[in-house]
Protein backbone atom coordinates (compact mmCIF):
# COMPACT_ATOMS: atom_id res chain seq x y z
CA MET A 1 25.53 20.33 -1.66
CA SER A 2 24.69 23.77 -2.66
CA ALA A 3 21.75 24.92 -2.16
CA MET A 4 20.56 24.48 -5.79
CA SER A 5 22.04 21.64 -6.74
CA THR A 6 20.25 18.37 -7.81
CA ASP A 7 22.55 16.24 -6.84
CA TYR A 8 22.61 13.83 -3.68
CA ASP A 9 23.60 10.88 -1.70
CA ILE A 10 20.68 9.79 -2.24
CA LEU A 11 17.25 9.67 -3.61
CA ILE A 12 14.20 7.91 -2.29
CA LEU A 13 11.37 7.66 -4.18
CA GLY A 14 7.80 7.80 -2.08
CA ALA A 15 6.94 9.99 0.64
CA GLY A 16 5.08 8.08 2.40
CA PRO A 17 5.39 5.39 5.95
CA ALA A 18 8.82 3.67 4.03
CA GLY A 19 10.23 6.61 2.52
CA LEU A 20 9.34 9.28 4.94
CA THR A 21 11.46 6.03 7.01
CA ALA A 22 14.65 6.21 4.69
CA GLY A 23 14.44 9.46 4.76
CA ILE A 24 15.03 10.10 8.63
CA TYR A 25 17.68 7.51 8.66
CA ALA A 26 19.23 8.63 5.44
CA ALA A 27 19.55 11.89 6.61
CA ARG A 28 20.43 11.61 10.37
CA ALA A 29 23.10 10.29 9.26
CA LYS A 30 24.73 13.28 7.78
CA ARG A 31 23.51 12.35 3.89
CA SER A 32 21.72 14.18 1.30
CA VAL A 33 18.87 12.94 0.81
CA MET A 34 15.43 13.65 -1.17
CA ILE A 35 12.92 12.00 -1.59
CA LEU A 36 10.42 13.32 -4.52
CA ASP A 37 6.12 12.03 -4.39
CA THR A 38 3.95 11.98 -7.60
CA GLY A 39 1.06 13.01 -4.85
CA THR A 40 0.73 13.92 -1.68
CA VAL A 41 2.71 13.32 1.34
CA GLY A 42 1.81 10.22 3.22
CA GLY A 43 0.65 7.83 0.54
CA GLN A 44 -2.41 5.95 1.42
CA THR A 45 -2.10 6.74 4.89
CA VAL A 46 -3.20 9.81 4.51
CA LEU A 47 -6.65 7.82 3.49
CA THR A 48 -6.79 6.30 6.74
CA GLU A 49 -8.79 8.06 8.98
CA VAL A 50 -7.96 6.81 12.40
CA VAL A 51 -4.31 5.32 13.28
CA ALA A 52 -5.54 2.86 16.66
CA ASN A 53 -2.97 0.32 16.14
CA TYR A 54 0.42 2.04 15.47
CA PRO A 55 3.12 1.54 18.69
CA GLY A 56 3.17 4.01 20.82
CA VAL A 57 0.88 5.93 19.37
CA THR A 58 -2.76 6.91 20.02
CA ASP A 59 -5.95 8.86 19.10
CA THR A 60 -4.60 10.10 15.60
CA THR A 61 -5.32 10.25 12.07
CA GLY A 62 -3.28 8.48 9.56
CA ARG A 63 -2.86 12.49 8.16
CA ALA A 64 -1.75 13.67 11.10
CA LEU A 65 0.99 10.48 11.20
CA SER A 66 2.67 11.41 7.85
CA GLN A 67 3.35 15.39 9.31
CA THR A 68 5.07 14.33 11.85
CA MET A 69 6.87 12.18 9.90
CA LEU A 70 7.47 15.21 7.16
CA GLU A 71 8.89 17.07 10.02
CA GLN A 72 10.65 14.39 11.82
CA ALA A 73 12.87 13.55 8.51
CA LYS A 74 12.78 17.46 7.29
CA SER A 75 14.52 17.78 10.69
CA PHE A 76 17.44 16.42 9.68
CA GLY A 77 18.22 17.88 7.29
CA CYS A 78 15.56 15.64 4.70
CA GLU A 79 14.89 17.70 1.93
CA VAL A 80 10.79 16.50 0.46
CA LYS A 81 9.17 17.53 -3.16
CA ALA A 82 4.88 16.12 -3.51
CA PHE A 83 3.50 16.35 -6.40
CA ALA A 84 6.43 16.00 -8.57
CA ARG A 85 5.41 15.08 -12.41
CA ILE A 86 8.51 12.44 -13.86
CA ALA A 87 9.37 11.67 -16.75
CA GLU A 88 12.14 9.28 -16.51
CA VAL A 89 13.86 7.75 -14.31
CA ASP A 90 16.87 5.41 -14.68
CA LEU A 91 18.81 2.90 -12.04
CA THR A 92 20.44 1.57 -14.47
CA GLY A 93 24.06 3.56 -14.29
CA THR A 94 26.20 4.06 -10.89
CA THR A 95 24.69 7.46 -11.26
CA LYS A 96 21.16 6.91 -10.86
CA SER A 97 19.09 9.43 -11.68
CA VAL A 98 15.23 11.09 -12.35
CA THR A 99 14.27 13.80 -14.76
CA LEU A 100 11.34 15.52 -14.16
CA LYS A 101 9.11 17.43 -16.81
CA ASN A 102 10.37 20.51 -16.36
CA GLY A 103 13.55 19.41 -17.10
CA THR A 104 15.43 19.22 -14.23
CA THR A 105 17.44 15.95 -13.03
CA TYR A 106 17.63 14.59 -9.66
CA THR A 107 21.05 12.27 -9.22
CA ALA A 108 22.29 9.92 -6.53
CA ARG A 109 24.62 6.66 -5.56
CA ALA A 110 21.48 4.81 -3.86
CA VAL A 111 17.88 4.97 -4.21
CA VAL A 112 15.02 3.52 -1.95
CA VAL A 113 12.39 2.57 -4.17
CA ALA A 114 8.91 3.27 -1.81
CA THR A 115 6.73 3.91 -4.59
CA GLY A 116 4.16 2.04 -2.64
CA GLY A 117 0.79 0.40 -4.52
CA VAL A 118 -2.76 0.36 -3.84
CA PRO A 119 -5.87 -1.65 -3.89
CA ARG A 120 -7.15 -3.55 -6.69
CA LYS A 121 -10.98 -1.69 -7.33
CA LEU A 122 -13.58 -3.04 -8.19
CA GLY A 123 -14.72 -0.36 -10.85
CA VAL A 124 -18.03 -0.67 -10.13
CA GLU A 125 -20.71 2.39 -9.20
CA GLY A 126 -20.73 3.84 -6.17
CA GLU A 127 -17.24 2.49 -4.98
CA ASP A 128 -15.62 5.70 -4.44
CA ARG A 129 -18.50 7.44 -2.84
CA PHE A 130 -18.53 4.96 -0.38
CA VAL A 131 -14.17 4.74 0.71
CA GLY A 132 -14.71 5.67 4.06
CA GLN A 133 -18.12 5.06 4.41
CA GLY A 134 -18.48 1.55 4.50
CA ILE A 135 -16.08 0.33 2.14
CA SER A 136 -11.94 -0.34 3.15
CA TYR A 137 -9.58 -2.11 2.28
CA CYS A 138 -7.70 -3.72 5.32
CA ALA A 139 -9.32 -5.12 7.82
CA THR A 140 -6.51 -4.33 10.60
CA CYS A 141 -7.41 -1.30 9.61
CA ASP A 142 -10.87 -0.58 9.78
CA GLY A 143 -12.32 -4.11 11.50
CA ASP A 144 -13.01 -2.56 14.48
CA PHE A 145 -15.27 -0.17 14.06
CA PHE A 146 -17.98 -2.76 13.08
CA THR A 147 -17.72 -4.41 15.56
CA GLY A 148 -21.75 -6.43 15.09
CA ARG A 149 -22.64 -5.05 12.10
CA PRO A 150 -22.85 -6.88 9.18
CA ILE A 151 -20.54 -6.58 6.45
CA ALA A 152 -19.12 -8.21 2.53
CA VAL A 153 -16.25 -9.54 1.85
CA ILE A 154 -15.76 -9.71 -1.49
CA GLY A 155 -12.73 -11.66 -2.98
CA GLY A 156 -12.25 -15.47 -2.88
CA GLY A 157 -7.89 -15.61 -3.07
CA ASN A 158 -6.04 -16.67 0.26
CA SER A 159 -6.40 -12.81 1.03
CA ALA A 160 -9.98 -12.32 1.11
CA LEU A 161 -10.42 -15.96 2.93
CA GLU A 162 -8.41 -15.23 5.93
CA GLU A 163 -9.66 -11.71 6.29
CA ALA A 164 -12.85 -12.80 6.71
CA VAL A 165 -11.72 -15.05 9.04
CA SER A 166 -10.37 -12.39 10.73
CA LEU A 167 -12.52 -10.06 10.87
CA SER A 168 -15.65 -12.22 11.89
CA ARG A 169 -14.15 -11.49 15.53
CA PHE A 170 -15.73 -7.94 14.68
CA ALA A 171 -18.88 -8.22 12.52
CA SER A 172 -22.38 -9.48 12.85
CA ARG A 173 -22.32 -11.86 10.56
CA ILE A 174 -20.22 -12.16 6.97
CA THR A 175 -21.10 -12.60 3.10
CA ILE A 176 -18.83 -13.70 1.02
CA VAL A 177 -18.67 -12.52 -2.03
CA HIS A 178 -17.01 -14.04 -5.15
CA GLU A 179 -17.22 -13.72 -8.64
CA PHE A 180 -16.18 -17.46 -9.58
CA ASP A 181 -18.30 -21.01 -8.15
CA HIS A 182 -14.84 -21.95 -7.12
CA PHE A 183 -12.21 -20.33 -4.58
CA GLN A 184 -8.40 -19.49 -5.82
CA ALA A 185 -7.31 -20.89 -2.16
CA GLU A 186 -5.73 -22.80 -0.34
CA PRO A 187 -7.72 -25.80 1.32
CA TRP A 188 -6.97 -25.52 4.43
CA ILE A 189 -8.16 -20.91 5.23
CA ILE A 190 -11.26 -22.79 2.76
CA ALA A 191 -11.74 -24.90 5.18
CA GLU A 192 -11.54 -22.42 8.31
CA ALA A 193 -14.26 -20.24 6.41
CA GLN A 194 -17.05 -22.31 5.67
CA ALA A 195 -16.19 -23.86 8.99
CA ASP A 196 -17.60 -20.68 10.55
CA GLU A 197 -20.72 -20.03 11.44
CA LYS A 198 -20.64 -16.21 10.52
CA ILE A 199 -19.68 -16.71 7.33
CA THR A 200 -21.87 -17.42 4.47
CA PHE A 201 -21.13 -17.45 0.63
CA LEU A 202 -22.63 -15.83 -2.38
CA MET A 203 -20.23 -17.14 -5.13
CA ASN A 204 -20.32 -17.28 -9.10
CA GLN A 205 -21.33 -13.52 -8.70
CA LYS A 206 -20.68 -9.96 -10.28
CA VAL A 207 -20.73 -7.15 -8.39
CA LEU A 208 -22.88 -4.89 -9.84
CA GLY A 209 -22.58 -1.96 -7.26
CA PHE A 210 -22.79 -0.13 -3.44
CA ALA A 211 -25.66 2.11 -2.53
CA GLY A 212 -27.29 3.63 0.69
CA GLU A 213 -28.41 7.08 1.93
CA SER A 214 -25.42 8.70 4.29
CA GLY A 215 -23.28 5.41 4.60
CA LEU A 216 -23.34 1.80 2.70
CA GLN A 217 -26.21 -0.57 2.94
CA THR A 218 -26.50 -2.79 0.34
CA VAL A 219 -23.99 -4.65 -1.91
CA ARG A 220 -25.93 -5.04 -5.38
CA SER A 221 -24.15 -8.48 -7.01
CA GLN A 222 -25.78 -10.65 -10.03
CA ASP A 223 -25.46 -14.44 -10.23
CA LYS A 224 -23.77 -14.97 -13.63
CA ALA A 225 -25.67 -17.69 -14.30
CA SER A 226 -29.11 -17.35 -13.74
CA GLY A 227 -28.28 -13.75 -14.03
CA VAL A 228 -30.60 -13.31 -10.85
CA VAL A 229 -29.50 -9.94 -8.64
CA THR A 230 -28.83 -9.97 -4.86
CA GLU A 231 -29.74 -6.70 -2.70
CA THR A 232 -26.73 -7.76 0.72
CA ALA A 233 -27.86 -5.84 3.31
CA VAL A 234 -24.34 -4.59 5.12
CA ASP A 235 -23.05 -1.72 7.12
CA GLY A 236 -19.98 -2.46 5.76
CA CYS A 237 -17.95 -4.08 3.17
CA PHE A 238 -14.18 -4.79 2.80
CA VAL A 239 -12.54 -5.36 -1.20
CA PHE A 240 -10.23 -7.97 -1.33
CA ILE A 241 -9.85 -8.94 -5.44
CA GLY A 242 -5.68 -7.94 -5.44
CA TYR A 243 -2.89 -4.76 -5.03
CA VAL A 244 -1.62 -3.16 -7.42
CA PRO A 245 2.37 -1.62 -7.26
CA ASN A 246 3.41 1.64 -8.45
CA SER A 247 6.67 -0.16 -10.58
CA ALA A 248 5.67 0.50 -14.19
CA ALA A 249 8.27 2.90 -14.44
CA PHE A 250 11.02 -0.15 -13.24
CA GLU A 251 10.09 -2.13 -15.97
CA GLY A 252 12.84 -2.96 -17.62
CA GLN A 253 15.08 -1.98 -15.50
CA LEU A 254 14.38 -3.47 -11.92
CA LYS A 255 13.63 -7.68 -11.76
CA LEU A 256 9.70 -7.84 -10.77
CA THR A 257 7.13 -10.35 -10.02
CA ASP A 258 5.21 -11.57 -12.59
CA ARG A 259 2.39 -9.21 -10.00
CA GLY A 260 4.76 -6.85 -11.27
CA GLU A 261 5.79 -6.05 -7.11
CA ILE A 262 9.87 -4.96 -7.49
CA VAL A 263 11.81 -8.48 -6.29
CA ALA A 264 14.02 -7.45 -3.03
CA ASP A 265 15.93 -9.54 -0.61
CA GLU A 266 16.62 -9.11 3.46
CA GLU A 267 18.60 -6.19 3.26
CA LEU A 268 15.93 -4.77 0.68
CA ARG A 269 18.44 -4.87 -2.36
CA THR A 270 17.17 -5.19 -5.93
CA SER A 271 18.46 -6.70 -8.60
CA LEU A 272 20.29 -3.89 -9.38
CA PRO A 273 23.38 -2.78 -7.46
CA GLY A 274 22.38 1.11 -4.83
CA VAL A 275 18.76 0.42 -5.36
CA PHE A 276 16.30 -0.75 -2.32
CA ALA A 277 12.64 -1.03 -2.58
CA ALA A 278 10.89 -1.22 0.49
CA GLY A 279 7.02 -0.60 1.48
CA ASP A 280 3.72 -1.71 -0.53
CA VAL A 281 6.28 -1.87 -4.25
CA ARG A 282 7.82 -4.89 -3.11
CA ASN A 283 7.22 -8.92 -2.90
CA LYS A 284 5.84 -9.21 0.49
CA ARG A 285 2.71 -10.14 1.84
CA ILE A 286 1.78 -7.98 5.11
CA ARG A 287 1.27 -4.68 3.75
CA GLN A 288 0.55 -1.97 7.40
CA ILE A 289 2.19 0.76 8.27
CA THR A 290 3.86 -0.20 10.47
CA THR A 291 5.46 -2.63 8.56
CA ALA A 292 6.22 0.18 5.98
CA VAL A 293 8.39 1.44 8.18
CA ALA A 294 10.39 -0.74 9.44
CA ASP A 295 11.06 -1.62 5.53
CA GLY A 296 12.12 2.17 4.93
CA THR A 297 14.74 1.76 8.51
CA VAL A 298 16.13 -1.70 6.44
CA ALA A 299 16.54 -0.05 3.20
CA ALA A 300 18.30 2.92 4.08
CA LEU A 301 20.71 1.39 6.41
CA ALA A 302 21.49 -0.85 3.81
CA ALA A 303 21.97 2.05 1.17
CA LEU A 304 24.65 3.91 3.81
CA GLU A 305 26.16 0.99 3.85
CA TYR A 306 26.23 0.87 -0.13
CA LEU A 307 27.26 4.29 -0.27
CA SER A 308 30.51 3.66 2.21
CA GLU A 309 31.57 0.36 1.10
CA ALA A 310 32.03 1.97 -2.48
CA GLY A 311 33.69 5.02 -0.93
CA GLU A 312 31.10 7.35 -0.67
């Protein structure tokens, strides 16, 4: 393959931990690999100030860990293009293609989709301001930073209640704020949350916004029946109201769940031959850097096997 060629063995869409890991494995196997990302390298990982639970790595940031992964992928010959403005994706043929808005088209026989996703936001006043300064969307990532401090958890599904129970190991008290007067969770986790002495509930609430000086100090919510406004004093707030996968570009091509997640089997094969899904964009429950890296490994090895079986 010449340096100017746009034809590769494997295209990887997304340069987060899943995509970079897939690139490392595929390029180390001497395959030509291009990673395209519509944003910065690292995905959601770069938003993590301290990475404390990645095995074998201590005292690092999400941005630093992402940079190490990027350098490793490049060292094996992987090409990476960030801030790619993608105009069209066609995964349906034997040869897959991704066309950028500048007219450049990248083609490959195999594609790993690792476009990730983002936690669903409330979209209220102060939310963006306090992200990383009190507001978090990941209990596993940030729970221990609030040891002995009061927090709120927003949401009423399984994830919200499970994370609230988990966070009770750290926080001094937890206020669960939910928009309905009932939970959308399994009975067992509802019972567990209700039995936790640290957890109290504010039900049928509309979250109005967040306030504070140098960091988050209050969550403002309004009772949807009475109109009474409550200001809950907290040092932190965890928002668990859903997750939005970055899968819109694949609608009508790949099989998606009703939540927009790409359906993939244990080998991370999607509904189209030669297309594999890895990381937060696929149908999965646990979303961590370590699970994304594992997905990237499996998807890359499956893609390599697919190419070998096709005689590529």
